[in-house]
Amino acid sequence: MIEILAPGPLATVQDLGRPGHAALGVGRSGAADVGSHRLANRLVGNADRAATIEATFGGLSLRAGTDLLVAVTGAPAPVFLGSVEYGGNAPLRLPAGTELRLGTPKTGLRSYLAVRGGIGCEPVLGSRSTDLLSGLGPPRLRPGDTVALGTDVETDPVVDVAPVAGQPAEPVLRIAPGPRLDWFRPDAWTTLLASAYTVSPDGNRIGVRLIGPALDRAVRHELPSEPIVPGAIQVPAGGQPLVFLADHPVTGGYPVIGVVARADLGAAAQLRPGQHVRFRPS
């Protein structure tokens, strides 16, 4: 058992999501940075499907009810076990009764805490993920919550530390043209590729709002709602793009000018307010 002492700005339980339910109006959800989620699980010998704790901008604090093997990946937040500081991307022994605390990451936004066996909350539609848009899955973690341990162990841990490249100050996301590129003026695609956009503080697991040169539309009438995929770059009437993340809606009524490559969705999930981001064709 694990006791949550403080969740930080936001801490949720996440796994690989609940795919296959879009026809019912249920999005996939799951870890926003899937690569970091998978790495955390592999460092403690879990199956990829095991649930982790996704912590936004550090601040997570918890106490172990039993001896645990843990790992922290994603945004590089300092990891404190009691009063001793450790780095991330490595398995750590957390003795019973010891407090684990995440500091503020120097780069990135979301860190992932894996516990050997995974988080053992009750699955909903086959997933333990918290979906902030639909409300499915366990509620966001709060002080005083206790979470059980799961049994999603796959192998013995065999890596002492995983080499992980640092996150660039100005990420470049690869994109492909979207299904409604023809709804925009001819120079809109060029503007999107040539400009640096600033990440707005008005974002969450649903999407990253960007501030920069407006992407002007050529077609002004309303668009009937149509399916949305992770990484879709939707452009509302004001012309400022929005990159959809894990908890995105399954349909949307604004045109999609482009789609972020699946391999770059983790980098998009690590964008923090005030950071600049650029796009290039995939």
Protein backbone atom coordinates (compact mmCIF):
# COMPACT_ATOMS: atom_id res chain seq x y z
CA MET A 1 0.00 0.00 0.00
CA ILE A 2 1.14 3.57 -0.76
CA GLU A 3 -0.10 6.67 1.06
CA ILE A 4 -0.30 9.90 -0.94
CA LEU A 5 0.97 12.78 1.22
CA ALA A 6 0.78 15.48 -1.48
CA PRO A 7 -0.12 15.16 -5.18
CA GLY A 8 1.63 18.31 -6.42
CA PRO A 9 -0.27 20.35 -9.04
CA LEU A 10 -1.77 17.17 -10.53
CA ALA A 11 -1.11 13.47 -10.07
CA THR A 12 -3.13 10.75 -11.77
CA VAL A 13 -2.94 7.00 -12.35
CA GLN A 14 -2.16 6.14 -15.97
CA ASP A 15 -1.49 3.07 -18.07
CA LEU A 16 -1.60 2.48 -21.84
CA GLY A 17 -5.21 3.67 -22.02
CA ARG A 18 -8.50 2.21 -23.20
CA PRO A 19 -8.37 1.99 -27.03
CA GLY A 20 -11.21 0.73 -29.15
CA HIS A 21 -14.12 2.64 -27.62
CA ALA A 22 -14.20 5.77 -29.78
CA ALA A 23 -17.48 4.65 -31.38
CA LEU A 24 -19.01 4.86 -27.90
CA GLY A 25 -17.63 8.35 -27.36
CA VAL A 26 -14.85 7.14 -25.05
CA GLY A 27 -11.32 8.35 -25.75
CA ARG A 28 -8.15 6.35 -25.23
CA SER A 29 -6.58 8.48 -22.47
CA GLY A 30 -3.52 6.80 -20.89
CA ALA A 31 -0.06 8.18 -20.20
CA ALA A 32 0.54 11.47 -22.02
CA ASP A 33 4.22 10.53 -22.54
CA VAL A 34 3.96 6.83 -23.36
CA GLY A 35 7.71 6.38 -23.86
CA SER A 36 8.49 7.61 -20.35
CA HIS A 37 5.69 5.45 -18.92
CA ARG A 38 7.07 2.34 -20.63
CA LEU A 39 10.63 3.06 -19.50
CA ALA A 40 9.58 3.49 -15.87
CA ASN A 41 7.84 0.12 -15.95
CA ARG A 42 10.77 -1.65 -17.59
CA LEU A 43 13.20 -0.31 -15.00
CA VAL A 44 11.27 -2.10 -12.23
CA GLY A 45 10.49 -5.23 -14.27
CA ASN A 46 6.82 -4.48 -14.93
CA ALA A 47 4.81 -5.21 -18.04
CA ASP A 48 4.23 -2.13 -20.20
CA ARG A 49 0.52 -2.29 -19.32
CA ALA A 50 1.19 -1.72 -15.60
CA ALA A 51 -0.24 1.50 -14.20
CA THR A 52 2.10 4.28 -13.10
CA ILE A 53 1.57 7.63 -11.39
CA GLU A 54 1.83 10.60 -13.75
CA ALA A 55 2.96 13.69 -11.79
CA THR A 56 2.64 17.13 -13.36
CA PHE A 57 5.43 19.61 -12.51
CA GLY A 58 6.72 17.65 -9.53
CA GLY A 59 5.48 18.08 -5.97
CA LEU A 60 4.34 14.46 -5.55
CA SER A 61 5.00 13.06 -2.09
CA LEU A 62 4.12 9.59 -0.85
CA ARG A 63 5.00 7.07 1.87
CA ALA A 64 5.65 3.38 1.31
CA GLY A 65 3.64 0.95 3.41
CA THR A 66 6.04 -1.86 2.51
CA ASP A 67 9.46 -2.20 0.88
CA LEU A 68 9.16 -1.09 -2.74
CA LEU A 69 11.20 -0.95 -5.92
CA VAL A 70 10.42 2.28 -7.79
CA ALA A 71 11.65 4.30 -10.76
CA VAL A 72 10.99 7.87 -11.92
CA THR A 73 11.24 8.88 -15.58
CA GLY A 74 9.97 11.65 -17.86
CA ALA A 75 10.51 15.26 -16.78
CA PRO A 76 13.78 15.12 -14.78
CA ALA A 77 12.59 15.98 -11.28
CA PRO A 78 14.97 15.37 -8.36
CA VAL A 79 13.89 12.31 -6.37
CA PHE A 80 14.19 12.48 -2.58
CA LEU A 81 14.01 9.29 -0.50
CA GLY A 82 13.82 10.71 2.97
CA SER A 83 16.50 13.41 2.99
CA VAL A 84 18.71 11.81 0.31
CA GLU A 85 18.49 13.03 -3.28
CA TYR A 86 18.67 10.65 -6.23
CA GLY A 87 18.37 11.01 -9.98
CA GLY A 88 15.77 9.53 -12.26
CA ASN A 89 15.79 6.82 -14.94
CA ALA A 90 17.07 4.19 -12.49
CA PRO A 91 15.47 1.65 -10.11
CA LEU A 92 15.50 2.72 -6.46
CA ARG A 93 14.79 0.80 -3.25
CA LEU A 94 12.15 2.53 -1.13
CA PRO A 95 12.02 0.99 2.38
CA ALA A 96 8.73 0.72 4.26
CA GLY A 97 7.84 3.92 6.07
CA THR A 98 10.14 6.07 3.93
CA GLU A 99 8.83 9.16 2.19
CA LEU A 100 9.46 9.70 -1.52
CA ARG A 101 9.20 13.25 -2.82
CA LEU A 102 9.60 14.72 -6.30
CA GLY A 103 11.11 18.16 -6.65
CA THR A 104 10.39 20.57 -9.49
CA PRO A 105 11.73 19.35 -12.86
CA LYS A 106 14.28 21.60 -14.54
CA THR A 107 12.83 20.78 -17.97
CA GLY A 108 9.67 19.09 -19.15
CA LEU A 109 6.33 18.84 -17.38
CA ARG A 110 5.31 15.25 -16.61
CA SER A 111 7.19 12.64 -14.57
CA TYR A 112 6.26 8.97 -14.22
CA LEU A 113 6.60 6.94 -11.03
CA ALA A 114 6.53 3.18 -11.51
CA VAL A 115 6.28 0.75 -8.59
CA ARG A 116 7.16 -2.90 -9.09
CA GLY A 117 3.82 -4.64 -9.65
CA GLY A 118 2.13 -1.44 -10.81
CA ILE A 119 -0.73 0.51 -9.25
CA GLY A 120 -3.59 -1.85 -8.46
CA CYS A 121 -6.76 0.25 -8.68
CA GLU A 122 -9.91 -1.14 -10.29
CA PRO A 123 -9.86 -0.96 -14.12
CA VAL A 124 -12.66 0.77 -16.05
CA LEU A 125 -13.26 -0.52 -19.60
CA GLY A 126 -10.00 -2.43 -19.32
CA SER A 127 -7.83 0.48 -18.17
CA ARG A 128 -6.72 2.08 -14.90
CA SER A 129 -6.17 5.46 -16.56
CA THR A 130 -7.70 8.66 -15.24
CA ASP A 131 -9.44 10.48 -18.10
CA LEU A 132 -9.88 14.12 -17.08
CA LEU A 133 -12.29 14.85 -19.95
CA SER A 134 -14.76 11.99 -19.51
CA GLY A 135 -14.26 11.41 -15.78
CA LEU A 136 -13.63 7.69 -16.33
CA GLY A 137 -11.09 5.83 -14.23
CA PRO A 138 -9.84 6.60 -10.73
CA PRO A 139 -10.13 10.20 -9.51
CA ARG A 140 -7.04 12.39 -9.45
CA LEU A 141 -4.88 11.64 -6.43
CA ARG A 142 -5.40 13.72 -3.29
CA PRO A 143 -3.67 13.99 0.11
CA GLY A 144 -4.55 11.05 2.33
CA ASP A 145 -5.39 8.68 -0.55
CA THR A 146 -4.03 5.16 -0.38
CA VAL A 147 -3.31 3.13 -3.49
CA ALA A 148 -2.84 -0.62 -3.68
CA LEU A 149 -0.06 -2.43 -5.50
CA GLY A 150 -0.77 -4.52 -8.58
CA THR A 151 0.65 -7.78 -9.91
CA ASP A 152 1.78 -6.71 -13.39
CA VAL A 153 5.34 -8.02 -12.97
CA GLU A 154 6.98 -9.37 -16.12
CA THR A 155 10.67 -9.91 -15.36
CA ASP A 156 13.49 -9.17 -12.94
CA PRO A 157 15.01 -5.67 -13.25
CA VAL A 158 18.26 -5.88 -15.23
CA VAL A 159 19.21 -2.22 -15.80
CA ASP A 160 20.94 0.00 -13.23
CA VAL A 161 20.34 3.23 -15.13
CA ALA A 162 18.84 4.08 -18.52
CA PRO A 163 20.58 6.67 -20.72
CA VAL A 164 17.97 9.25 -21.72
CA ALA A 165 18.65 12.23 -23.97
CA GLY A 166 17.93 15.64 -22.46
CA GLN A 167 14.91 17.63 -23.56
CA PRO A 168 15.72 20.51 -25.96
CA ALA A 169 14.93 24.07 -24.94
CA GLU A 170 12.95 24.55 -28.18
CA PRO A 171 11.50 21.22 -29.34
CA VAL A 172 10.72 20.61 -33.00
CA LEU A 173 7.70 18.38 -33.63
CA ARG A 174 7.27 16.51 -36.90
CA ILE A 175 3.85 16.95 -38.48
CA ALA A 176 1.92 15.74 -41.51
CA PRO A 177 -0.82 17.73 -43.28
CA GLY A 178 -4.22 17.29 -41.69
CA PRO A 179 -7.53 16.37 -43.33
CA ARG A 180 -8.69 20.03 -43.49
CA LEU A 181 -5.57 21.73 -44.81
CA ASP A 182 -7.66 22.98 -47.73
CA TRP A 183 -9.82 24.99 -45.29
CA PHE A 184 -6.90 27.37 -44.69
CA ARG A 185 -5.33 30.13 -46.75
CA PRO A 186 -2.41 28.93 -48.92
CA ASP A 187 0.18 30.56 -46.63
CA ALA A 188 -1.15 29.00 -43.39
CA TRP A 189 0.90 25.79 -43.69
CA THR A 190 4.05 27.80 -44.45
CA THR A 191 3.34 30.03 -41.44
CA LEU A 192 2.94 27.01 -39.17
CA LEU A 193 6.27 25.54 -40.29
CA ALA A 194 8.20 28.81 -40.25
CA SER A 195 7.10 30.17 -36.86
CA ALA A 196 7.99 29.58 -33.23
CA TYR A 197 4.88 29.19 -31.08
CA THR A 198 4.72 29.80 -27.33
CA VAL A 199 3.04 27.28 -25.04
CA SER A 200 0.08 28.86 -23.25
CA PRO A 201 -0.48 28.23 -19.52
CA ASP A 202 -4.07 27.35 -20.46
CA GLY A 203 -3.38 23.69 -21.22
CA ASN A 204 -3.76 20.24 -19.64
CA ARG A 205 -3.84 16.55 -20.54
CA ILE A 206 -6.52 17.32 -23.13
CA GLY A 207 -4.30 19.56 -25.21
CA VAL A 208 -1.52 22.14 -25.51
CA ARG A 209 -2.68 25.62 -26.53
CA LEU A 210 -0.18 27.64 -28.53
CA ILE A 211 0.27 31.38 -29.03
CA GLY A 212 1.78 32.77 -32.18
CA PRO A 213 1.03 33.83 -35.75
CA ALA A 214 -2.62 33.18 -36.57
CA LEU A 215 -3.46 30.49 -39.11
CA ASP A 216 -6.07 32.13 -41.32
CA ARG A 217 -8.94 30.15 -42.77
CA ALA A 218 -10.14 30.34 -46.35
CA VAL A 219 -13.40 28.53 -45.56
CA ARG A 220 -15.51 30.41 -43.01
CA HIS A 221 -18.60 28.24 -42.56
CA GLU A 222 -18.98 25.76 -39.70
CA LEU A 223 -17.45 22.29 -39.86
CA PRO A 224 -19.59 19.34 -38.73
CA SER A 225 -17.92 17.40 -35.91
CA GLU A 226 -15.55 14.73 -37.15
CA PRO A 227 -13.12 12.25 -35.54
CA ILE A 228 -10.03 13.55 -33.72
CA VAL A 229 -6.79 11.60 -33.21
CA PRO A 230 -3.93 12.18 -30.72
CA GLY A 231 -1.61 14.88 -32.03
CA ALA A 232 -4.28 16.58 -34.15
CA ILE A 233 -3.56 20.30 -34.53
CA GLN A 234 -6.97 21.90 -34.39
CA VAL A 235 -7.42 25.60 -35.16
CA PRO A 236 -10.37 27.41 -33.53
CA ALA A 237 -11.84 30.62 -34.95
CA GLY A 238 -9.12 32.82 -33.42
CA GLY A 239 -6.43 31.12 -35.52
CA GLN A 240 -4.29 29.90 -32.58
CA PRO A 241 -3.43 26.18 -32.87
CA LEU A 242 -4.21 23.54 -30.25
CA VAL A 243 -2.32 20.21 -30.13
CA PHE A 244 -4.48 17.42 -28.71
CA LEU A 245 -2.95 15.05 -26.14
CA ALA A 246 -4.06 11.86 -24.35
CA ASP A 247 -7.44 13.02 -23.01
CA HIS A 248 -8.59 14.62 -26.26
CA PRO A 249 -12.26 14.45 -27.31
CA VAL A 250 -13.15 11.81 -29.88
CA THR A 251 -14.72 14.40 -32.21
CA GLY A 252 -14.23 18.11 -32.87
CA GLY A 253 -15.83 20.87 -34.87
CA TYR A 254 -12.79 22.97 -35.82
CA PRO A 255 -10.58 22.16 -38.82
CA VAL A 256 -7.39 20.15 -38.29
CA ILE A 257 -4.48 21.64 -40.22
CA GLY A 258 -1.91 19.00 -39.28
CA VAL A 259 -1.14 15.98 -37.11
CA VAL A 260 1.93 15.50 -34.91
CA ALA A 261 3.86 12.29 -35.60
CA ARG A 262 3.10 9.57 -33.07
CA ALA A 263 6.79 9.32 -32.14
CA ASP A 264 6.76 13.01 -31.12
CA LEU A 265 3.64 12.92 -28.93
CA GLY A 266 5.77 12.36 -25.84
CA ALA A 267 7.74 15.52 -26.58
CA ALA A 268 4.47 17.41 -27.05
CA ALA A 269 3.27 16.15 -23.65
CA GLN A 270 6.42 17.54 -22.01
CA LEU A 271 5.91 21.11 -23.29
CA ARG A 272 5.64 23.57 -20.42
CA PRO A 273 4.04 27.03 -20.31
CA GLY A 274 6.21 29.75 -21.79
CA GLN A 275 8.33 27.32 -23.80
CA HIS A 276 8.76 27.76 -27.56
CA VAL A 277 8.02 24.96 -30.00
CA ARG A 278 8.46 24.63 -33.76
CA PHE A 279 7.11 22.25 -36.38
CA ARG A 280 8.67 20.60 -39.42
CA PRO A 281 7.18 18.30 -42.05
CA SER A 282 7.48 14.60 -41.27
